[in-house]
């Protein structure tokens, strides 16, 4: 259990005048307990009743696992699998708890550091071993194996080979060869937190090279604008200007640009004029892209600046604005 998270929830309940409150959404269950209340298919199989004490509600099917592995030490009320009641009101199905989660607790920040480092290592290791004649689905399978071996669930894996790289921004892996240029995207989940990263390979592909340089420049602007007190809308405005400066003024509308991360891949997306003020302790994941190129890492915003949570010391880097950023991989080990 995360004491900082529970304190925030209790304060929220006091402010709202709630004597009890029900927590069903997976991101909130994980935020409070570090456990999972789904089977990975979206539907909750347990929820919390928060009053003078905290009680877990679940079914007879899930009871032993939930009690032993996801919410140890908490009393459990067991319901028949055929009559599992929805959470009563008030609950997080009616009240958005996202603002309470955005500044990560010290415990969550430490867990995020470990997750980011291990996820980036797994992705980098697999991509470096890939071969041009691999199919996209082969690379996705190898990525999934490497992540699961570290106790990390691949919440989302996207792979685009040379044939599809310039066509699709969300390329679900297909039975197509990787070729001379390809991209691997991972949303890596553990303990409720989600680390986002993208890695790209270009083997003598000048067009990918040129576009990647441009997205790195857009990302430089985004990272420099990401300071405590800045708003999401303000960072997006800087990103919009940067696209124009690299010769693609309308490209920001072709894909979302990222935003605040944490217990979902993006807790809050940056949209025009969004008033959310950035604070130290928030996770940020920007993903500027053009057709054929994308850059993405997950950062922790601190008072001293940005800490790259998904940095891979074994991946080649390039200096951009005084910061080391992942370069295109130009040589495969496989």
C-alpha atoms as a PDB file:
ATOM      1  CA  UNK A   1       0.000   0.000   0.000  1.00  0.00           C
ATOM      2  CA  UNK A   2       1.184   3.511  -0.784  1.00  0.00           C
ATOM      3  CA  UNK A   3       0.633   5.804   2.252  1.00  0.00           C
ATOM      4  CA  UNK A   4       0.887   9.007   0.163  1.00  0.00           C
ATOM      5  CA  UNK A   5      -1.789   7.781  -2.206  1.00  0.00           C
ATOM      6  CA  UNK A   6      -4.117   6.778   0.631  1.00  0.00           C
ATOM      7  CA  UNK A   7      -3.653  10.151   2.328  1.00  0.00           C
ATOM      8  CA  UNK A   8      -4.669  11.933  -0.879  1.00  0.00           C
ATOM      9  CA  UNK A   9      -7.747   9.770  -1.244  1.00  0.00           C
ATOM     10  CA  UNK A  10      -8.756  10.332   2.389  1.00  0.00           C
ATOM     11  CA  UNK A  11      -8.390  14.101   1.985  1.00  0.00           C
ATOM     12  CA  UNK A  12     -10.519  13.956  -1.160  1.00  0.00           C
ATOM     13  CA  UNK A  13     -13.212  12.032   0.718  1.00  0.00           C
ATOM     14  CA  UNK A  14     -13.181  14.579   3.546  1.00  0.00           C
ATOM     15  CA  UNK A  15     -13.449  17.494   1.131  1.00  0.00           C
ATOM     16  CA  UNK A  16     -16.365  15.825  -0.662  1.00  0.00           C
ATOM     17  CA  UNK A  17     -18.075  14.767   2.569  1.00  0.00           C
ATOM     18  CA  UNK A  18     -17.919  11.073   1.700  1.00  0.00           C
ATOM     19  CA  UNK A  19     -18.009   8.688   4.651  1.00  0.00           C
ATOM     20  CA  UNK A  20     -17.226   5.844   2.310  1.00  0.00           C
ATOM     21  CA  UNK A  21     -16.044   5.611  -1.288  1.00  0.00           C
ATOM     22  CA  UNK A  22     -15.683   2.765  -3.782  1.00  0.00           C
ATOM     23  CA  UNK A  23     -12.616   2.322  -5.996  1.00  0.00           C
ATOM     24  CA  UNK A  24     -13.048   0.169  -9.093  1.00  0.00           C
ATOM     25  CA  UNK A  25     -10.958   1.634 -11.900  1.00  0.00           C
ATOM     26  CA  UNK A  26      -7.768  -0.381 -12.486  1.00  0.00           C
ATOM     27  CA  UNK A  27      -5.503   2.684 -12.474  1.00  0.00           C
ATOM     28  CA  UNK A  28      -6.824   3.737  -9.045  1.00  0.00           C
ATOM     29  CA  UNK A  29      -6.676   0.225  -7.590  1.00  0.00           C
ATOM     30  CA  UNK A  30      -3.040   0.017  -8.700  1.00  0.00           C
ATOM     31  CA  UNK A  31      -2.277   3.552  -7.491  1.00  0.00           C
ATOM     32  CA  UNK A  32      -3.446   2.692  -3.975  1.00  0.00           C
ATOM     33  CA  UNK A  33      -2.265  -0.912  -3.661  1.00  0.00           C
ATOM     34  CA  UNK A  34       0.247  -1.580  -6.426  1.00  0.00           C
ATOM     35  CA  UNK A  35      -1.903  -4.551  -7.417  1.00  0.00           C
ATOM     36  CA  UNK A  36      -4.210  -5.417 -10.293  1.00  0.00           C
ATOM     37  CA  UNK A  37      -7.980  -5.840 -10.216  1.00  0.00           C
ATOM     38  CA  UNK A  38      -8.406  -6.984 -13.816  1.00  0.00           C
ATOM     39  CA  UNK A  39      -7.340  -9.953 -15.897  1.00  0.00           C
ATOM     40  CA  UNK A  40      -5.931  -7.620 -18.520  1.00  0.00           C
ATOM     41  CA  UNK A  41      -9.169  -7.420 -20.491  1.00  0.00           C
ATOM     42  CA  UNK A  42     -10.510  -4.188 -19.003  1.00  0.00           C
ATOM     43  CA  UNK A  43     -13.239  -5.529 -16.720  1.00  0.00           C
ATOM     44  CA  UNK A  44     -12.653  -5.159 -12.991  1.00  0.00           C
ATOM     45  CA  UNK A  45     -12.870  -8.367 -10.961  1.00  0.00           C
ATOM     46  CA  UNK A  46     -12.462  -6.606  -7.603  1.00  0.00           C
ATOM     47  CA  UNK A  47     -13.085  -3.200  -6.079  1.00  0.00           C
ATOM     48  CA  UNK A  48     -12.358  -1.440  -2.805  1.00  0.00           C
ATOM     49  CA  UNK A  49     -14.826  -0.140  -0.248  1.00  0.00           C
ATOM     50  CA  UNK A  50     -13.053   2.658   1.621  1.00  0.00           C
ATOM     51  CA  UNK A  51     -14.634   3.679   4.900  1.00  0.00           C
ATOM     52  CA  UNK A  52     -13.372   3.410   8.457  1.00  0.00           C
ATOM     53  CA  UNK A  53     -11.612   0.331   7.159  1.00  0.00           C
ATOM     54  CA  UNK A  54     -10.811  -0.830   3.647  1.00  0.00           C
ATOM     55  CA  UNK A  55     -12.652  -3.904   2.378  1.00  0.00           C
ATOM     56  CA  UNK A  56     -12.017  -5.698  -0.909  1.00  0.00           C
ATOM     57  CA  UNK A  57     -15.042  -6.948  -2.849  1.00  0.00           C
ATOM     58  CA  UNK A  58     -14.445  -9.760  -5.324  1.00  0.00           C
ATOM     59  CA  UNK A  59     -15.866 -13.068  -6.571  1.00  0.00           C
ATOM     60  CA  UNK A  60     -15.348 -16.570  -5.302  1.00  0.00           C
ATOM     61  CA  UNK A  61     -13.328 -17.252  -8.464  1.00  0.00           C
ATOM     62  CA  UNK A  62     -10.836 -14.458  -7.783  1.00  0.00           C
ATOM     63  CA  UNK A  63     -10.851 -14.457  -3.978  1.00  0.00           C
ATOM     64  CA  UNK A  64      -7.703 -16.485  -3.205  1.00  0.00           C
ATOM     65  CA  UNK A  65      -5.544 -14.710  -5.775  1.00  0.00           C
ATOM     66  CA  UNK A  66      -6.771 -11.204  -4.956  1.00  0.00           C
ATOM     67  CA  UNK A  67      -6.318 -11.795  -1.220  1.00  0.00           C
ATOM     68  CA  UNK A  68      -2.872 -13.350  -1.532  1.00  0.00           C
ATOM     69  CA  UNK A  69      -1.286 -11.374  -4.377  1.00  0.00           C
ATOM     70  CA  UNK A  70      -3.102  -8.134  -5.175  1.00  0.00           C
ATOM     71  CA  UNK A  71      -4.481  -6.859  -1.845  1.00  0.00           C
ATOM     72  CA  UNK A  72      -2.698  -8.834   0.890  1.00  0.00           C
ATOM     73  CA  UNK A  73      -3.742  -8.091   4.460  1.00  0.00           C
ATOM     74  CA  UNK A  74      -7.102  -6.528   3.612  1.00  0.00           C
ATOM     75  CA  UNK A  75     -10.423  -8.084   4.607  1.00  0.00           C
ATOM     76  CA  UNK A  76     -12.348  -9.516   1.666  1.00  0.00           C
ATOM     77  CA  UNK A  77     -16.064  -9.793   1.030  1.00  0.00           C
ATOM     78  CA  UNK A  78     -16.695 -12.639  -1.393  1.00  0.00           C
ATOM     79  CA  UNK A  79     -19.616 -12.591  -3.855  1.00  0.00           C
ATOM     80  CA  UNK A  80     -20.938 -15.355  -6.149  1.00  0.00           C
ATOM     81  CA  UNK A  81     -19.358 -15.164  -9.581  1.00  0.00           C
ATOM     82  CA  UNK A  82     -22.852 -14.973 -11.106  1.00  0.00           C
ATOM     83  CA  UNK A  83     -23.991 -12.109  -8.868  1.00  0.00           C
ATOM     84  CA  UNK A  84     -21.016  -9.759  -8.484  1.00  0.00           C
ATOM     85  CA  UNK A  85     -22.626  -6.380  -7.754  1.00  0.00           C
ATOM     86  CA  UNK A  86     -21.321  -3.182  -9.347  1.00  0.00           C
ATOM     87  CA  UNK A  87     -19.687  -0.739  -6.954  1.00  0.00           C
ATOM     88  CA  UNK A  88     -22.267   1.465  -5.214  1.00  0.00           C
ATOM     89  CA  UNK A  89     -22.172   5.238  -5.263  1.00  0.00           C
ATOM     90  CA  UNK A  90     -20.082   7.293  -4.671  1.00  0.00           C
ATOM     91  CA  UNK A  91     -17.295   5.686  -6.670  1.00  0.00           C
ATOM     92  CA  UNK A  92     -14.459   6.482  -9.024  1.00  0.00           C
ATOM     93  CA  UNK A  93     -16.775   5.539 -11.871  1.00  0.00           C
ATOM     94  CA  UNK A  94     -18.494   8.882 -11.184  1.00  0.00           C
ATOM     95  CA  UNK A  95     -15.646  10.906  -9.691  1.00  0.00           C
ATOM     96  CA  UNK A  96     -12.396  11.306 -11.627  1.00  0.00           C
ATOM     97  CA  UNK A  97      -9.383  10.685  -9.385  1.00  0.00           C
ATOM     98  CA  UNK A  98      -6.842  11.438 -12.112  1.00  0.00           C
ATOM     99  CA  UNK A  99      -5.733  14.763 -10.516  1.00  0.00           C
ATOM    100  CA  UNK A 100      -4.855  12.888  -7.311  1.00  0.00           C
ATOM    101  CA  UNK A 101      -2.532  10.504  -9.180  1.00  0.00           C
ATOM    102  CA  UNK A 102      -0.571  12.924 -11.339  1.00  0.00           C
ATOM    103  CA  UNK A 103       2.182  13.829  -8.846  1.00  0.00           C
ATOM    104  CA  UNK A 104       3.805  10.495  -8.131  1.00  0.00           C
ATOM    105  CA  UNK A 105       4.622   9.501  -4.575  1.00  0.00           C
ATOM    106  CA  UNK A 106       8.222   8.824  -3.633  1.00  0.00           C
ATOM    107  CA  UNK A 107       7.445   5.099  -3.651  1.00  0.00           C
ATOM    108  CA  UNK A 108       5.927   5.288  -7.138  1.00  0.00           C
ATOM    109  CA  UNK A 109       8.857   7.318  -8.435  1.00  0.00           C
ATOM    110  CA  UNK A 110      11.324   4.697  -7.283  1.00  0.00           C
ATOM    111  CA  UNK A 111       9.247   1.905  -8.819  1.00  0.00           C
ATOM    112  CA  UNK A 112       9.051   3.907 -12.056  1.00  0.00           C
ATOM    113  CA  UNK A 113      12.833   4.247 -12.187  1.00  0.00           C
ATOM    114  CA  UNK A 114      13.223   0.473 -11.984  1.00  0.00           C
ATOM    115  CA  UNK A 115      10.456  -0.176 -14.502  1.00  0.00           C
ATOM    116  CA  UNK A 116      11.782   2.337 -17.016  1.00  0.00           C
ATOM    117  CA  UNK A 117      15.351   1.097 -16.811  1.00  0.00           C
ATOM    118  CA  UNK A 118      14.364  -2.556 -17.215  1.00  0.00           C
ATOM    119  CA  UNK A 119      11.824  -1.912 -19.975  1.00  0.00           C
ATOM    120  CA  UNK A 120      14.305   0.129 -21.997  1.00  0.00           C
ATOM    121  CA  UNK A 121      16.964  -2.523 -21.525  1.00  0.00           C
ATOM    122  CA  UNK A 122      14.633  -5.264 -22.719  1.00  0.00           C
ATOM    123  CA  UNK A 123      13.466  -3.356 -25.796  1.00  0.00           C
ATOM    124  CA  UNK A 124      16.976  -2.271 -26.744  1.00  0.00           C
ATOM    125  CA  UNK A 125      18.419  -5.751 -26.330  1.00  0.00           C
ATOM    126  CA  UNK A 126      15.802  -7.303 -28.617  1.00  0.00           C
ATOM    127  CA  UNK A 127      15.904  -4.613 -31.305  1.00  0.00           C
ATOM    128  CA  UNK A 128      19.688  -4.832 -31.538  1.00  0.00           C
ATOM    129  CA  UNK A 129      19.402  -8.592 -32.141  1.00  0.00           C
ATOM    130  CA  UNK A 130      16.705  -8.274 -34.823  1.00  0.00           C
ATOM    131  CA  UNK A 131      17.346  -9.093 -38.482  1.00  0.00           C
ATOM    132  CA  UNK A 132      16.035  -7.392 -41.576  1.00  0.00           C
ATOM    133  CA  UNK A 133      14.288 -10.581 -42.691  1.00  0.00           C
ATOM    134  CA  UNK A 134      12.330 -10.903 -39.446  1.00  0.00           C
ATOM    135  CA  UNK A 135       8.611 -10.309 -39.695  1.00  0.00           C
ATOM    136  CA  UNK A 136       7.056  -7.541 -37.636  1.00  0.00           C
ATOM    137  CA  UNK A 137       5.201 -10.131 -35.568  1.00  0.00           C
ATOM    138  CA  UNK A 138       8.489 -11.936 -34.835  1.00  0.00           C
ATOM    139  CA  UNK A 139       9.961  -8.765 -33.399  1.00  0.00           C
ATOM    140  CA  UNK A 140       6.811  -8.167 -31.361  1.00  0.00           C
ATOM    141  CA  UNK A 141       6.984 -11.721 -30.022  1.00  0.00           C
ATOM    142  CA  UNK A 142      10.617 -11.318 -29.015  1.00  0.00           C
ATOM    143  CA  UNK A 143       9.816  -8.000 -27.322  1.00  0.00           C
ATOM    144  CA  UNK A 144       6.952  -9.575 -25.395  1.00  0.00           C
ATOM    145  CA  UNK A 145       9.168 -12.455 -24.252  1.00  0.00           C
ATOM    146  CA  UNK A 146      11.916 -10.116 -23.057  1.00  0.00           C
ATOM    147  CA  UNK A 147       9.492  -7.887 -21.168  1.00  0.00           C
ATOM    148  CA  UNK A 148       7.577 -10.727 -19.527  1.00  0.00           C
ATOM    149  CA  UNK A 149      10.899 -12.292 -18.470  1.00  0.00           C
ATOM    150  CA  UNK A 150      11.425  -9.168 -16.358  1.00  0.00           C
ATOM    151  CA  UNK A 151       7.914  -9.258 -14.900  1.00  0.00           C
ATOM    152  CA  UNK A 152       6.735  -6.486 -17.228  1.00  0.00           C
ATOM    153  CA  UNK A 153       3.476  -6.785 -19.127  1.00  0.00           C
ATOM    154  CA  UNK A 154       3.587  -5.445 -22.702  1.00  0.00           C
ATOM    155  CA  UNK A 155       0.421  -3.376 -22.515  1.00  0.00           C
ATOM    156  CA  UNK A 156       0.937  -2.334 -26.130  1.00  0.00           C
ATOM    157  CA  UNK A 157       3.516  -3.298 -28.751  1.00  0.00           C
ATOM    158  CA  UNK A 158       3.637  -1.567 -32.119  1.00  0.00           C
ATOM    159  CA  UNK A 159       6.029  -2.570 -34.893  1.00  0.00           C
ATOM    160  CA  UNK A 160       6.349  -1.108 -38.384  1.00  0.00           C
ATOM    161  CA  UNK A 161       8.779  -2.401 -40.963  1.00  0.00           C
ATOM    162  CA  UNK A 162      10.007  -0.505 -43.986  1.00  0.00           C
ATOM    163  CA  UNK A 163       6.822  -1.194 -45.985  1.00  0.00           C
ATOM    164  CA  UNK A 164       4.473   0.243 -43.348  1.00  0.00           C
ATOM    165  CA  UNK A 165       6.656   2.774 -41.543  1.00  0.00           C
ATOM    166  CA  UNK A 166       5.490   5.753 -43.578  1.00  0.00           C
ATOM    167  CA  UNK A 167       1.835   4.665 -43.710  1.00  0.00           C
ATOM    168  CA  UNK A 168       0.616   4.004 -40.165  1.00  0.00           C
ATOM    169  CA  UNK A 169       1.170   5.822 -36.868  1.00  0.00           C
ATOM    170  CA  UNK A 170      -0.223   2.954 -34.778  1.00  0.00           C
ATOM    171  CA  UNK A 171       1.140  -0.082 -36.641  1.00  0.00           C
ATOM    172  CA  UNK A 172      -0.108  -3.266 -35.008  1.00  0.00           C
ATOM    173  CA  UNK A 173       2.465  -5.948 -35.923  1.00  0.00           C
ATOM    174  CA  UNK A 174       1.758  -7.823 -39.139  1.00  0.00           C
ATOM    175  CA  UNK A 175       3.324 -10.647 -41.124  1.00  0.00           C
ATOM    176  CA  UNK A 176       5.522  -8.213 -43.058  1.00  0.00           C
ATOM    177  CA  UNK A 177       9.355  -8.046 -43.166  1.00  0.00           C
ATOM    178  CA  UNK A 178      11.235  -5.440 -41.162  1.00  0.00           C
ATOM    179  CA  UNK A 179      13.524  -4.428 -44.009  1.00  0.00           C
ATOM    180  CA  UNK A 180      16.046  -1.589 -43.872  1.00  0.00           C
ATOM    181  CA  UNK A 181      14.073   0.659 -41.509  1.00  0.00           C
ATOM    182  CA  UNK A 182      11.709  -0.209 -38.682  1.00  0.00           C
ATOM    183  CA  UNK A 183      10.213   1.068 -35.463  1.00  0.00           C
ATOM    184  CA  UNK A 184       9.381  -0.632 -32.160  1.00  0.00           C
ATOM    185  CA  UNK A 185       7.028   0.995 -29.638  1.00  0.00           C
ATOM    186  CA  UNK A 186       6.322  -0.374 -26.168  1.00  0.00           C
ATOM    187  CA  UNK A 187       3.927   0.576 -23.404  1.00  0.00           C
ATOM    188  CA  UNK A 188       5.421  -1.440 -20.554  1.00  0.00           C
ATOM    189  CA  UNK A 189       3.302  -2.074 -17.451  1.00  0.00           C
ATOM    190  CA  UNK A 190       4.247  -3.186 -13.953  1.00  0.00           C
ATOM    191  CA  UNK A 191       2.738  -2.421 -10.581  1.00  0.00           C
ATOM    192  CA  UNK A 192       0.210  -0.105 -12.219  1.00  0.00           C
ATOM    193  CA  UNK A 193       2.795   2.159 -13.836  1.00  0.00           C
ATOM    194  CA  UNK A 194       3.289   2.447 -17.593  1.00  0.00           C
ATOM    195  CA  UNK A 195       6.632   3.290 -19.220  1.00  0.00           C
ATOM    196  CA  UNK A 196       6.458   4.421 -22.855  1.00  0.00           C
ATOM    197  CA  UNK A 197       9.346   4.276 -25.305  1.00  0.00           C
ATOM    198  CA  UNK A 198      10.091   4.086 -29.031  1.00  0.00           C
ATOM    199  CA  UNK A 199      13.251   2.851 -30.734  1.00  0.00           C
ATOM    200  CA  UNK A 200      14.062   3.100 -34.446  1.00  0.00           C
ATOM    201  CA  UNK A 201      16.441   1.373 -36.826  1.00  0.00           C
ATOM    202  CA  UNK A 202      17.589   2.787 -40.177  1.00  0.00           C
ATOM    203  CA  UNK A 203      20.122   0.890 -42.278  1.00  0.00           C
ATOM    204  CA  UNK A 204      21.209   3.287 -45.000  1.00  0.00           C
ATOM    205  CA  UNK A 205      17.792   4.962 -45.281  1.00  0.00           C
ATOM    206  CA  UNK A 206      18.303   8.712 -45.913  1.00  0.00           C
ATOM    207  CA  UNK A 207      14.611   9.622 -45.742  1.00  0.00           C
ATOM    208  CA  UNK A 208      14.178   8.122 -42.286  1.00  0.00           C
ATOM    209  CA  UNK A 209      17.426   9.806 -41.222  1.00  0.00           C
ATOM    210  CA  UNK A 210      16.167  13.222 -42.356  1.00  0.00           C
ATOM    211  CA  UNK A 211      12.794  12.885 -40.698  1.00  0.00           C
ATOM    212  CA  UNK A 212      14.238  11.537 -37.459  1.00  0.00           C
ATOM    213  CA  UNK A 213      16.474  14.608 -37.170  1.00  0.00           C
ATOM    214  CA  UNK A 214      13.378  16.766 -37.463  1.00  0.00           C
ATOM    215  CA  UNK A 215      11.400  14.949 -34.780  1.00  0.00           C
ATOM    216  CA  UNK A 216      14.404  15.148 -32.461  1.00  0.00           C
ATOM    217  CA  UNK A 217      14.340  18.918 -32.933  1.00  0.00           C
ATOM    218  CA  UNK A 218      10.626  19.057 -32.131  1.00  0.00           C
ATOM    219  CA  UNK A 219      11.228  16.920 -29.056  1.00  0.00           C
ATOM    220  CA  UNK A 220      14.063  19.214 -27.961  1.00  0.00           C
ATOM    221  CA  UNK A 221      11.587  22.092 -27.850  1.00  0.00           C
ATOM    222  CA  UNK A 222       9.067  19.994 -25.922  1.00  0.00           C
ATOM    223  CA  UNK A 223      11.623  18.922 -23.325  1.00  0.00           C
ATOM    224  CA  UNK A 224      12.967  22.435 -22.860  1.00  0.00           C
ATOM    225  CA  UNK A 225       9.430  23.740 -22.357  1.00  0.00           C
ATOM    226  CA  UNK A 226       8.643  21.065 -19.746  1.00  0.00           C
ATOM    227  CA  UNK A 227       9.283  22.923 -16.510  1.00  0.00           C
ATOM    228  CA  UNK A 228       7.361  23.157 -13.238  1.00  0.00           C
ATOM    229  CA  UNK A 229       4.682  25.801 -13.674  1.00  0.00           C
ATOM    230  CA  UNK A 230       4.398  25.430 -17.438  1.00  0.00           C
ATOM    231  CA  UNK A 231       1.010  24.304 -18.726  1.00  0.00           C
ATOM    232  CA  UNK A 232       0.304  21.377 -21.002  1.00  0.00           C
ATOM    233  CA  UNK A 233      -1.238  23.781 -23.474  1.00  0.00           C
ATOM    234  CA  UNK A 234       1.860  25.959 -23.345  1.00  0.00           C
ATOM    235  CA  UNK A 235       4.140  23.010 -24.119  1.00  0.00           C
ATOM    236  CA  UNK A 236       1.886  21.988 -26.994  1.00  0.00           C
ATOM    237  CA  UNK A 237       2.012  25.524 -28.398  1.00  0.00           C
ATOM    238  CA  UNK A 238       5.815  25.301 -28.391  1.00  0.00           C
ATOM    239  CA  UNK A 239       5.568  21.924 -30.153  1.00  0.00           C
ATOM    240  CA  UNK A 240       3.255  23.393 -32.777  1.00  0.00           C
ATOM    241  CA  UNK A 241       5.746  26.165 -33.517  1.00  0.00           C
ATOM    242  CA  UNK A 242       8.593  23.658 -33.683  1.00  0.00           C
ATOM    243  CA  UNK A 243       6.847  21.603 -36.353  1.00  0.00           C
ATOM    244  CA  UNK A 244       6.572  24.734 -38.455  1.00  0.00           C
ATOM    245  CA  UNK A 245      10.251  25.512 -37.962  1.00  0.00           C
ATOM    246  CA  UNK A 246      11.272  22.063 -39.249  1.00  0.00           C
ATOM    247  CA  UNK A 247       9.063  22.408 -42.309  1.00  0.00           C
ATOM    248  CA  UNK A 248       5.947  20.456 -41.287  1.00  0.00           C
ATOM    249  CA  UNK A 249       3.557  23.059 -39.829  1.00  0.00           C
ATOM    250  CA  UNK A 250       0.456  20.857 -39.735  1.00  0.00           C
ATOM    251  CA  UNK A 251       2.064  17.631 -38.593  1.00  0.00           C
ATOM    252  CA  UNK A 252       1.090  18.084 -34.932  1.00  0.00           C
ATOM    253  CA  UNK A 253      -2.504  17.285 -35.922  1.00  0.00           C
ATOM    254  CA  UNK A 254      -1.548  13.915 -37.450  1.00  0.00           C
ATOM    255  CA  UNK A 255      -0.887  12.272 -34.063  1.00  0.00           C
ATOM    256  CA  UNK A 256      -1.210  13.247 -30.421  1.00  0.00           C
ATOM    257  CA  UNK A 257       2.010  14.645 -29.004  1.00  0.00           C
ATOM    258  CA  UNK A 258       1.936  12.982 -25.584  1.00  0.00           C
ATOM    259  CA  UNK A 259       1.488  14.487 -22.159  1.00  0.00           C
ATOM    260  CA  UNK A 260       1.472  13.395 -18.527  1.00  0.00           C
ATOM    261  CA  UNK A 261       2.015   9.686 -17.884  1.00  0.00           C
ATOM    262  CA  UNK A 262       1.861   7.496 -14.815  1.00  0.00           C
ATOM    263  CA  UNK A 263      -0.801   4.892 -14.084  1.00  0.00           C
ATOM    264  CA  UNK A 264      -2.030   4.976 -17.664  1.00  0.00           C
ATOM    265  CA  UNK A 265      -0.013   5.325 -20.836  1.00  0.00           C
ATOM    266  CA  UNK A 266      -1.139   8.950 -20.838  1.00  0.00           C
ATOM    267  CA  UNK A 267      -3.021  10.243 -17.834  1.00  0.00           C
ATOM    268  CA  UNK A 268      -3.620  13.597 -19.531  1.00  0.00           C
ATOM    269  CA  UNK A 269      -2.983  14.371 -23.192  1.00  0.00           C
ATOM    270  CA  UNK A 270      -1.676  17.780 -24.175  1.00  0.00           C
ATOM    271  CA  UNK A 271      -4.413  19.566 -26.131  1.00  0.00           C
ATOM    272  CA  UNK A 272      -4.569  23.189 -27.332  1.00  0.00           C
ATOM    273  CA  UNK A 273      -4.930  25.531 -24.382  1.00  0.00           C
ATOM    274  CA  UNK A 274      -4.937  22.752 -21.755  1.00  0.00           C
ATOM    275  CA  UNK A 275      -4.588  24.538 -18.386  1.00  0.00           C
ATOM    276  CA  UNK A 276      -2.928  21.759 -16.359  1.00  0.00           C
ATOM    277  CA  UNK A 277       0.198  23.137 -14.693  1.00  0.00           C
ATOM    278  CA  UNK A 278       3.184  20.799 -14.600  1.00  0.00           C
ATOM    279  CA  UNK A 279       4.611  19.940 -11.173  1.00  0.00           C
ATOM    280  CA  UNK A 280       7.717  18.207  -9.950  1.00  0.00           C
ATOM    281  CA  UNK A 281       6.917  14.536  -9.472  1.00  0.00           C
ATOM    282  CA  UNK A 282       4.893  14.191 -12.656  1.00  0.00           C
ATOM    283  CA  UNK A 283       5.882  11.754 -15.398  1.00  0.00           C
ATOM    284  CA  UNK A 284       5.988  13.103 -18.952  1.00  0.00           C
ATOM    285  CA  UNK A 285       6.047  11.210 -22.222  1.00  0.00           C
ATOM    286  CA  UNK A 286       6.227  13.276 -25.393  1.00  0.00           C
ATOM    287  CA  UNK A 287       6.134  11.526 -28.753  1.00  0.00           C
ATOM    288  CA  UNK A 288       6.639  13.932 -31.663  1.00  0.00           C
ATOM    289  CA  UNK A 289       6.411  12.124 -34.974  1.00  0.00           C
ATOM    290  CA  UNK A 290       6.346  12.446 -38.721  1.00  0.00           C
ATOM    291  CA  UNK A 291       5.435   9.760 -41.219  1.00  0.00           C
ATOM    292  CA  UNK A 292       8.481   7.511 -41.015  1.00  0.00           C
ATOM    293  CA  UNK A 293       9.971   8.762 -37.747  1.00  0.00           C
ATOM    294  CA  UNK A 294       9.131   9.042 -34.062  1.00  0.00           C
ATOM    295  CA  UNK A 295      10.991   9.618 -30.797  1.00  0.00           C
ATOM    296  CA  UNK A 296       9.673   8.778 -27.329  1.00  0.00           C
ATOM    297  CA  UNK A 297      10.886   8.256 -23.785  1.00  0.00           C
ATOM    298  CA  UNK A 298       9.298   8.613 -20.351  1.00  0.00           C
ATOM    299  CA  UNK A 299      10.691  11.310 -18.070  1.00  0.00           C
ATOM    300  CA  UNK A 300      10.259  12.282 -14.451  1.00  0.00           C
ATOM    301  CA  UNK A 301       9.930  16.018 -13.939  1.00  0.00           C
ATOM    302  CA  UNK A 302      12.003  17.230 -10.974  1.00  0.00           C
ATOM    303  CA  UNK A 303      12.845  20.664  -9.610  1.00  0.00           C
ATOM    304  CA  UNK A 304      16.291  20.247 -11.200  1.00  0.00           C
ATOM    305  CA  UNK A 305      14.960  19.219 -14.613  1.00  0.00           C
ATOM    306  CA  UNK A 306      13.948  16.073 -16.458  1.00  0.00           C
ATOM    307  CA  UNK A 307      15.173  12.587 -15.529  1.00  0.00           C
ATOM    308  CA  UNK A 308      14.936  10.056 -18.365  1.00  0.00           C
ATOM    309  CA  UNK A 309      13.330   6.972 -16.842  1.00  0.00           C
ATOM    310  CA  UNK A 310      13.656   4.869 -20.007  1.00  0.00           C
ATOM    311  CA  UNK A 311      17.282   5.597 -20.793  1.00  0.00           C
ATOM    312  CA  UNK A 312      19.272   2.670 -22.207  1.00  0.00           C
ATOM    313  CA  UNK A 313      23.014   2.982 -21.687  1.00  0.00           C
ATOM    314  CA  UNK A 314      23.607   0.409 -24.442  1.00  0.00           C
ATOM    315  CA  UNK A 315      21.636   2.274 -27.102  1.00  0.00           C
ATOM    316  CA  UNK A 316      23.484   4.778 -29.320  1.00  0.00           C
ATOM    317  CA  UNK A 317      22.792   8.384 -28.448  1.00  0.00           C
ATOM    318  CA  UNK A 318      23.004  11.730 -30.164  1.00  0.00           C
ATOM    319  CA  UNK A 319      23.393  15.113 -28.457  1.00  0.00           C
ATOM    320  CA  UNK A 320      20.342  17.321 -28.981  1.00  0.00           C
ATOM    321  CA  UNK A 321      20.285  20.636 -27.164  1.00  0.00           C
ATOM    322  CA  UNK A 322      22.870  19.409 -24.688  1.00  0.00           C
ATOM    323  CA  UNK A 323      20.858  16.278 -23.868  1.00  0.00           C
ATOM    324  CA  UNK A 324      21.638  12.726 -24.943  1.00  0.00           C
ATOM    325  CA  UNK A 325      18.756  11.309 -26.949  1.00  0.00           C
ATOM    326  CA  UNK A 326      18.322   7.885 -28.567  1.00  0.00           C
ATOM    327  CA  UNK A 327      19.829   7.862 -32.034  1.00  0.00           C
ATOM    328  CA  UNK A 328      18.800   5.706 -34.952  1.00  0.00           C
ATOM    329  CA  UNK A 329      20.355   2.265 -34.740  1.00  0.00           C
ATOM    330  CA  UNK A 330      22.426   1.803 -37.908  1.00  0.00           C
ATOM    331  CA  UNK A 331      23.949  -1.628 -37.320  1.00  0.00           C
ATOM    332  CA  UNK A 332      22.180  -4.809 -36.188  1.00  0.00           C
ATOM    333  CA  UNK A 333      23.872  -7.503 -34.110  1.00  0.00           C
ATOM    334  CA  UNK A 334      21.643 -10.339 -35.300  1.00  0.00           C
END
